[in-house]
Amino acid sequence: MNEHAFDSNNRKNTKNLALWTLLWVSSMAVATFGPEFIWESKVLTITGIVINGLLGIMMILVNIRYISGLDDLQKKIQLDAMGIALGVGVIGGLSYSLLDTTNIITGDAEISYLVIVISITYLIAIFVGQKRYS
């Protein structure tokens, strides 16, 4: 495949991933805040959660397509970043949960904090990987 076609496909895959990520994040917001501010129906809440799950599955599939379209170096950077983020998520998440269950921290361990830590770790790892190999 020539480089122009690769760049075009890569751009298309990136835009597609951004779109599905935006849809998933938006559906998460609706499923989270809808029951609190918009409706009182359990049926609507369950529907929102199911839609969020389906959009999440689609986002995963689009992410696989995105990664498959990358060159070998970009795939390595992505794989390294995902591995680091997974490690931080599992080790950090379990430690965070232990802090909660042993009452070392006063509040409940919130998954949203773990998601933020994993996301920031992933972004930093991508940035470091790009710098390392440039």
N, C-alpha and C. Protein backbone atom coordinates (compact mmCIF):
# COMPACT_ATOMS: atom_id res chain seq x y z
N MET A 1 0.85 -1.17 0.00
CA MET A 1 0.00 0.00 0.00
C MET A 1 0.90 1.23 0.00
N ASN A 2 0.56 2.22 -0.82
CA ASN A 2 1.39 3.41 -0.85
C ASN A 2 1.14 4.26 0.41
N GLU A 3 2.08 5.17 0.68
CA GLU A 3 2.03 5.95 1.92
C GLU A 3 0.80 6.85 1.98
N HIS A 4 0.39 7.40 0.84
CA HIS A 4 -0.78 8.27 0.83
C HIS A 4 -2.04 7.49 1.24
N ALA A 5 -2.18 6.28 0.73
CA ALA A 5 -3.34 5.45 1.08
C ALA A 5 -3.29 5.10 2.57
N PHE A 6 -2.09 4.81 3.09
CA PHE A 6 -1.94 4.49 4.51
C PHE A 6 -2.35 5.69 5.36
N ASP A 7 -1.87 6.89 5.00
CA ASP A 7 -2.22 8.10 5.75
C ASP A 7 -3.71 8.36 5.70
N SER A 8 -4.33 8.14 4.55
CA SER A 8 -5.76 8.36 4.39
C SER A 8 -6.54 7.38 5.27
N ASN A 9 -6.15 6.11 5.25
CA ASN A 9 -6.82 5.12 6.09
C ASN A 9 -6.60 5.42 7.56
N ASN A 10 -5.37 5.80 7.92
CA ASN A 10 -5.06 6.11 9.31
C ASN A 10 -5.89 7.29 9.79
N ARG A 11 -6.00 8.32 8.96
CA ARG A 11 -6.82 9.49 9.30
C ARG A 11 -8.28 9.09 9.48
N LYS A 12 -8.77 8.28 8.57
CA LYS A 12 -10.17 7.81 8.64
C LYS A 12 -10.39 6.98 9.91
N ASN A 13 -9.47 6.08 10.21
CA ASN A 13 -9.60 5.25 11.41
C ASN A 13 -9.53 6.10 12.68
N THR A 14 -8.69 7.12 12.68
CA THR A 14 -8.56 8.01 13.84
C THR A 14 -9.86 8.78 14.06
N LYS A 15 -10.42 9.32 12.98
CA LYS A 15 -11.69 10.05 13.09
C LYS A 15 -12.82 9.13 13.54
N ASN A 16 -12.83 7.92 13.01
CA ASN A 16 -13.85 6.94 13.39
C ASN A 16 -13.74 6.59 14.87
N LEU A 17 -12.52 6.40 15.35
CA LEU A 17 -12.30 6.10 16.77
C LEU A 17 -12.74 7.28 17.63
N ALA A 18 -12.41 8.49 17.22
CA ALA A 18 -12.83 9.68 17.97
C ALA A 18 -14.35 9.77 18.04
N LEU A 19 -15.03 9.50 16.93
CA LEU A 19 -16.49 9.54 16.89
C LEU A 19 -17.10 8.53 17.86
N TRP A 20 -16.65 7.27 17.79
CA TRP A 20 -17.22 6.23 18.64
C TRP A 20 -16.87 6.46 20.11
N THR A 21 -15.70 7.03 20.37
CA THR A 21 -15.34 7.36 21.75
C THR A 21 -16.26 8.46 22.27
N LEU A 22 -16.51 9.47 21.45
CA LEU A 22 -17.42 10.55 21.84
C LEU A 22 -18.83 10.02 22.09
N LEU A 23 -19.30 9.14 21.22
CA LEU A 23 -20.62 8.54 21.41
C LEU A 23 -20.69 7.75 22.71
N TRP A 24 -19.65 6.97 22.99
CA TRP A 24 -19.63 6.17 24.22
C TRP A 24 -19.60 7.06 25.46
N VAL A 25 -18.73 8.07 25.46
CA VAL A 25 -18.63 8.98 26.60
C VAL A 25 -19.96 9.72 26.79
N SER A 26 -20.58 10.15 25.71
CA SER A 26 -21.87 10.83 25.80
C SER A 26 -22.94 9.92 26.38
N SER A 27 -22.95 8.67 25.93
CA SER A 27 -23.96 7.73 26.45
C SER A 27 -23.70 7.42 27.92
N MET A 28 -22.43 7.44 28.34
CA MET A 28 -22.11 7.26 29.75
C MET A 28 -22.68 8.42 30.57
N ALA A 29 -22.54 9.62 30.06
CA ALA A 29 -23.08 10.80 30.75
C ALA A 29 -24.60 10.71 30.85
N VAL A 30 -25.26 10.33 29.76
CA VAL A 30 -26.72 10.21 29.77
C VAL A 30 -27.17 9.12 30.75
N ALA A 31 -26.49 7.97 30.71
CA ALA A 31 -26.86 6.87 31.61
C ALA A 31 -26.59 7.22 33.07
N THR A 32 -25.59 8.05 33.32
CA THR A 32 -25.25 8.45 34.68
C THR A 32 -26.17 9.53 35.21
N PHE A 33 -26.37 10.57 34.42
CA PHE A 33 -27.11 11.74 34.90
C PHE A 33 -28.59 11.73 34.55
N GLY A 34 -29.00 10.92 33.57
CA GLY A 34 -30.41 10.84 33.21
C GLY A 34 -31.30 10.49 34.39
N PRO A 35 -31.00 9.40 35.11
CA PRO A 35 -31.85 9.04 36.24
C PRO A 35 -31.86 10.09 37.36
N GLU A 36 -30.80 10.84 37.45
CA GLU A 36 -30.70 11.83 38.52
C GLU A 36 -31.42 13.14 38.18
N PHE A 37 -31.36 13.55 36.89
CA PHE A 37 -31.87 14.86 36.53
C PHE A 37 -32.99 14.87 35.49
N ILE A 38 -33.16 13.79 34.71
CA ILE A 38 -34.09 13.85 33.58
C ILE A 38 -35.29 12.93 33.79
N TRP A 39 -35.09 11.69 34.20
CA TRP A 39 -36.18 10.73 34.32
C TRP A 39 -36.10 9.97 35.64
N GLU A 40 -37.19 9.26 35.94
CA GLU A 40 -37.24 8.42 37.13
C GLU A 40 -37.57 6.98 36.77
N SER A 41 -37.49 6.64 35.52
CA SER A 41 -37.87 5.32 35.03
C SER A 41 -36.68 4.36 35.05
N LYS A 42 -36.89 3.20 35.69
CA LYS A 42 -35.85 2.16 35.67
C LYS A 42 -35.67 1.61 34.26
N VAL A 43 -36.74 1.56 33.50
CA VAL A 43 -36.65 1.05 32.13
C VAL A 43 -35.75 1.95 31.30
N LEU A 44 -35.91 3.26 31.42
CA LEU A 44 -35.03 4.18 30.69
C LEU A 44 -33.59 4.07 31.18
N THR A 45 -33.41 3.88 32.47
CA THR A 45 -32.06 3.74 33.01
C THR A 45 -31.39 2.48 32.48
N ILE A 46 -32.12 1.37 32.51
CA ILE A 46 -31.56 0.11 31.98
C ILE A 46 -31.29 0.24 30.49
N THR A 47 -32.18 0.88 29.77
CA THR A 47 -31.98 1.11 28.33
C THR A 47 -30.72 1.93 28.09
N GLY A 48 -30.54 2.98 28.87
CA GLY A 48 -29.33 3.81 28.75
C GLY A 48 -28.06 3.02 29.02
N ILE A 49 -28.10 2.16 30.03
CA ILE A 49 -26.93 1.35 30.37
C ILE A 49 -26.63 0.33 29.27
N VAL A 50 -27.67 -0.28 28.72
CA VAL A 50 -27.48 -1.25 27.63
C VAL A 50 -26.91 -0.55 26.39
N ILE A 51 -27.45 0.61 26.06
CA ILE A 51 -26.93 1.38 24.91
C ILE A 51 -25.47 1.74 25.16
N ASN A 52 -25.15 2.17 26.38
CA ASN A 52 -23.76 2.49 26.72
C ASN A 52 -22.86 1.27 26.53
N GLY A 53 -23.31 0.12 26.97
CA GLY A 53 -22.53 -1.11 26.79
C GLY A 53 -22.32 -1.45 25.33
N LEU A 54 -23.37 -1.33 24.53
CA LEU A 54 -23.27 -1.63 23.09
C LEU A 54 -22.33 -0.64 22.39
N LEU A 55 -22.45 0.63 22.74
CA LEU A 55 -21.53 1.63 22.16
C LEU A 55 -20.09 1.35 22.61
N GLY A 56 -19.92 0.90 23.83
CA GLY A 56 -18.59 0.54 24.31
C GLY A 56 -17.99 -0.61 23.53
N ILE A 57 -18.80 -1.62 23.24
CA ILE A 57 -18.33 -2.75 22.42
C ILE A 57 -17.93 -2.26 21.04
N MET A 58 -18.75 -1.38 20.46
CA MET A 58 -18.43 -0.83 19.14
C MET A 58 -17.12 -0.04 19.19
N MET A 59 -16.94 0.73 20.26
CA MET A 59 -15.71 1.52 20.41
C MET A 59 -14.49 0.59 20.48
N ILE A 60 -14.62 -0.53 21.16
CA ILE A 60 -13.53 -1.50 21.24
C ILE A 60 -13.20 -2.04 19.86
N LEU A 61 -14.22 -2.41 19.10
CA LEU A 61 -14.00 -2.94 17.74
C LEU A 61 -13.34 -1.90 16.84
N VAL A 62 -13.78 -0.66 16.95
CA VAL A 62 -13.19 0.42 16.15
C VAL A 62 -11.74 0.66 16.58
N ASN A 63 -11.47 0.54 17.87
CA ASN A 63 -10.10 0.69 18.37
C ASN A 63 -9.19 -0.41 17.82
N ILE A 64 -9.71 -1.63 17.74
CA ILE A 64 -8.94 -2.73 17.14
C ILE A 64 -8.62 -2.42 15.68
N ARG A 65 -9.60 -1.91 14.95
CA ARG A 65 -9.38 -1.55 13.55
C ARG A 65 -8.33 -0.43 13.45
N TYR A 66 -8.43 0.55 14.35
CA TYR A 66 -7.47 1.65 14.38
C TYR A 66 -6.05 1.12 14.59
N ILE A 67 -5.87 0.27 15.58
CA ILE A 67 -4.54 -0.25 15.89
C ILE A 67 -4.03 -1.13 14.74
N SER A 68 -4.92 -1.92 14.15
CA SER A 68 -4.52 -2.77 13.02
C SER A 68 -4.00 -1.95 11.84
N GLY A 69 -4.47 -0.71 11.70
CA GLY A 69 -4.04 0.13 10.59
C GLY A 69 -2.75 0.89 10.83
N LEU A 70 -2.20 0.78 12.05
CA LEU A 70 -0.97 1.50 12.36
C LEU A 70 0.25 0.75 11.83
N ASP A 71 1.36 1.47 11.68
CA ASP A 71 2.60 0.80 11.32
C ASP A 71 3.16 0.09 12.55
N ASP A 72 4.20 -0.71 12.35
CA ASP A 72 4.73 -1.54 13.44
C ASP A 72 5.22 -0.72 14.63
N LEU A 73 5.85 0.40 14.40
CA LEU A 73 6.35 1.22 15.50
C LEU A 73 5.19 1.79 16.31
N GLN A 74 4.16 2.30 15.64
CA GLN A 74 3.00 2.83 16.35
C GLN A 74 2.26 1.74 17.12
N LYS A 75 2.19 0.54 16.53
CA LYS A 75 1.59 -0.58 17.24
C LYS A 75 2.37 -0.89 18.52
N LYS A 76 3.70 -0.86 18.44
CA LYS A 76 4.53 -1.12 19.62
C LYS A 76 4.29 -0.06 20.70
N ILE A 77 4.24 1.19 20.29
CA ILE A 77 3.98 2.28 21.24
C ILE A 77 2.62 2.07 21.91
N GLN A 78 1.61 1.75 21.12
CA GLN A 78 0.27 1.50 21.67
C GLN A 78 0.27 0.31 22.64
N LEU A 79 0.91 -0.78 22.22
CA LEU A 79 0.95 -1.98 23.05
C LEU A 79 1.68 -1.71 24.37
N ASP A 80 2.81 -1.03 24.30
CA ASP A 80 3.54 -0.68 25.51
C ASP A 80 2.68 0.19 26.44
N ALA A 81 2.03 1.19 25.87
CA ALA A 81 1.19 2.09 26.68
C ALA A 81 0.02 1.35 27.30
N MET A 82 -0.59 0.46 26.52
CA MET A 82 -1.71 -0.32 27.06
C MET A 82 -1.25 -1.26 28.17
N GLY A 83 -0.08 -1.85 27.99
CA GLY A 83 0.46 -2.74 29.02
C GLY A 83 0.74 -1.99 30.32
N ILE A 84 1.32 -0.81 30.21
CA ILE A 84 1.60 0.01 31.39
C ILE A 84 0.28 0.43 32.06
N ALA A 85 -0.68 0.89 31.25
CA ALA A 85 -1.97 1.31 31.80
C ALA A 85 -2.70 0.14 32.47
N LEU A 86 -2.63 -1.05 31.87
CA LEU A 86 -3.24 -2.23 32.47
C LEU A 86 -2.58 -2.54 33.81
N GLY A 87 -1.25 -2.51 33.84
CA GLY A 87 -0.54 -2.78 35.09
C GLY A 87 -0.90 -1.79 36.18
N VAL A 88 -0.92 -0.52 35.83
CA VAL A 88 -1.29 0.52 36.80
C VAL A 88 -2.74 0.30 37.25
N GLY A 89 -3.62 -0.05 36.31
CA GLY A 89 -5.02 -0.28 36.65
C GLY A 89 -5.21 -1.45 37.60
N VAL A 90 -4.56 -2.56 37.31
CA VAL A 90 -4.73 -3.75 38.15
C VAL A 90 -4.04 -3.56 39.51
N ILE A 91 -2.76 -3.22 39.49
CA ILE A 91 -2.02 -3.06 40.74
C ILE A 91 -2.56 -1.88 41.54
N GLY A 92 -2.71 -0.73 40.88
CA GLY A 92 -3.23 0.45 41.56
C GLY A 92 -4.66 0.26 42.03
N GLY A 93 -5.48 -0.37 41.20
CA GLY A 93 -6.88 -0.59 41.56
C GLY A 93 -7.05 -1.52 42.74
N LEU A 94 -6.28 -2.60 42.74
CA LEU A 94 -6.36 -3.53 43.87
C LEU A 94 -5.82 -2.90 45.15
N SER A 95 -4.74 -2.14 45.04
CA SER A 95 -4.21 -1.44 46.21
C SER A 95 -5.21 -0.42 46.73
N TYR A 96 -5.82 0.32 45.82
CA TYR A 96 -6.83 1.31 46.17
C TYR A 96 -8.01 0.63 46.88
N SER A 97 -8.45 -0.51 46.35
CA SER A 97 -9.54 -1.25 46.96
C SER A 97 -9.16 -1.74 48.36
N LEU A 98 -7.92 -2.20 48.52
CA LEU A 98 -7.45 -2.64 49.84
C LEU A 98 -7.44 -1.49 50.84
N LEU A 99 -7.03 -0.30 50.37
CA LEU A 99 -7.07 0.86 51.25
C LEU A 99 -8.49 1.13 51.74
N ASP A 100 -9.47 0.90 50.87
CA ASP A 100 -10.87 1.10 51.23
C ASP A 100 -11.34 0.00 52.18
N THR A 101 -11.12 -1.26 51.82
CA THR A 101 -11.66 -2.36 52.63
C THR A 101 -11.00 -2.48 54.00
N THR A 102 -9.78 -1.97 54.13
CA THR A 102 -9.10 -2.00 55.43
C THR A 102 -9.31 -0.69 56.19
N ASN A 103 -10.14 0.20 55.61
CA ASN A 103 -10.47 1.49 56.23
C ASN A 103 -9.26 2.39 56.46
N ILE A 104 -8.25 2.26 55.61
CA ILE A 104 -7.10 3.17 55.67
C ILE A 104 -7.53 4.54 55.12
N ILE A 105 -8.38 4.51 54.09
CA ILE A 105 -8.95 5.77 53.59
C ILE A 105 -10.36 5.90 54.13
N THR A 106 -10.79 7.13 54.34
CA THR A 106 -12.10 7.34 54.98
C THR A 106 -13.27 7.18 54.02
N GLY A 107 -13.08 7.53 52.75
CA GLY A 107 -14.17 7.41 51.78
C GLY A 107 -14.16 6.06 51.09
N ASP A 108 -15.15 5.87 50.23
CA ASP A 108 -15.21 4.66 49.42
C ASP A 108 -14.28 4.79 48.22
N ALA A 109 -13.69 3.69 47.81
CA ALA A 109 -12.89 3.68 46.59
C ALA A 109 -13.84 3.88 45.40
N GLU A 110 -13.61 4.89 44.63
CA GLU A 110 -14.48 5.22 43.50
C GLU A 110 -13.80 4.81 42.20
N ILE A 111 -14.53 4.08 41.36
CA ILE A 111 -13.99 3.61 40.09
C ILE A 111 -13.60 4.78 39.19
N SER A 112 -14.29 5.90 39.31
CA SER A 112 -13.99 7.05 38.44
C SER A 112 -12.55 7.53 38.65
N TYR A 113 -12.06 7.49 39.88
CA TYR A 113 -10.68 7.89 40.14
C TYR A 113 -9.70 6.94 39.45
N LEU A 114 -10.02 5.65 39.50
CA LEU A 114 -9.16 4.66 38.85
C LEU A 114 -9.15 4.86 37.34
N VAL A 115 -10.30 5.13 36.75
CA VAL A 115 -10.38 5.38 35.31
C VAL A 115 -9.54 6.59 34.92
N ILE A 116 -9.59 7.63 35.74
CA ILE A 116 -8.78 8.82 35.47
C ILE A 116 -7.29 8.48 35.52
N VAL A 117 -6.86 7.73 36.54
CA VAL A 117 -5.45 7.35 36.67
C VAL A 117 -5.01 6.50 35.49
N ILE A 118 -5.83 5.54 35.09
CA ILE A 118 -5.50 4.69 33.94
C ILE A 118 -5.39 5.53 32.67
N SER A 119 -6.33 6.44 32.46
CA SER A 119 -6.32 7.28 31.26
C SER A 119 -5.10 8.18 31.20
N ILE A 120 -4.77 8.79 32.31
CA ILE A 120 -3.60 9.67 32.35
C ILE A 120 -2.32 8.85 32.14
N THR A 121 -2.26 7.68 32.76
CA THR A 121 -1.10 6.79 32.57
C THR A 121 -0.93 6.42 31.10
N TYR A 122 -2.03 6.06 30.45
CA TYR A 122 -2.01 5.69 29.03
C TYR A 122 -1.51 6.86 28.17
N LEU A 123 -2.05 8.06 28.41
CA LEU A 123 -1.64 9.23 27.64
C LEU A 123 -0.16 9.56 27.84
N ILE A 124 0.30 9.49 29.08
CA ILE A 124 1.72 9.75 29.35
C ILE A 124 2.59 8.70 28.68
N ALA A 125 2.17 7.44 28.74
CA ALA A 125 2.95 6.36 28.12
C ALA A 125 3.01 6.52 26.60
N ILE A 126 1.93 6.97 25.98
CA ILE A 126 1.93 7.24 24.54
C ILE A 126 2.92 8.36 24.24
N PHE A 127 2.84 9.43 25.01
CA PHE A 127 3.73 10.58 24.82
C PHE A 127 5.20 10.16 24.98
N VAL A 128 5.51 9.42 26.04
CA VAL A 128 6.89 8.96 26.28
C VAL A 128 7.33 8.03 25.16
N GLY A 129 6.46 7.13 24.72
CA GLY A 129 6.79 6.23 23.62
C GLY A 129 7.07 6.97 22.33
N GLN A 130 6.28 7.98 22.03
CA GLN A 130 6.50 8.79 20.83
C GLN A 130 7.85 9.51 20.92
N LYS A 131 8.15 10.06 22.09
CA LYS A 131 9.43 10.75 22.28
C LYS A 131 10.61 9.79 22.18
N ARG A 132 10.45 8.61 22.79
CA ARG A 132 11.53 7.63 22.82
C ARG A 132 11.92 7.18 21.41
N TYR A 133 10.94 7.00 20.55
CA TYR A 133 11.21 6.44 19.23
C TYR A 133 11.29 7.49 18.13
N SER A 134 11.21 8.78 18.47
CA SER A 134 11.27 9.80 17.41
C SER A 134 12.71 10.21 17.13
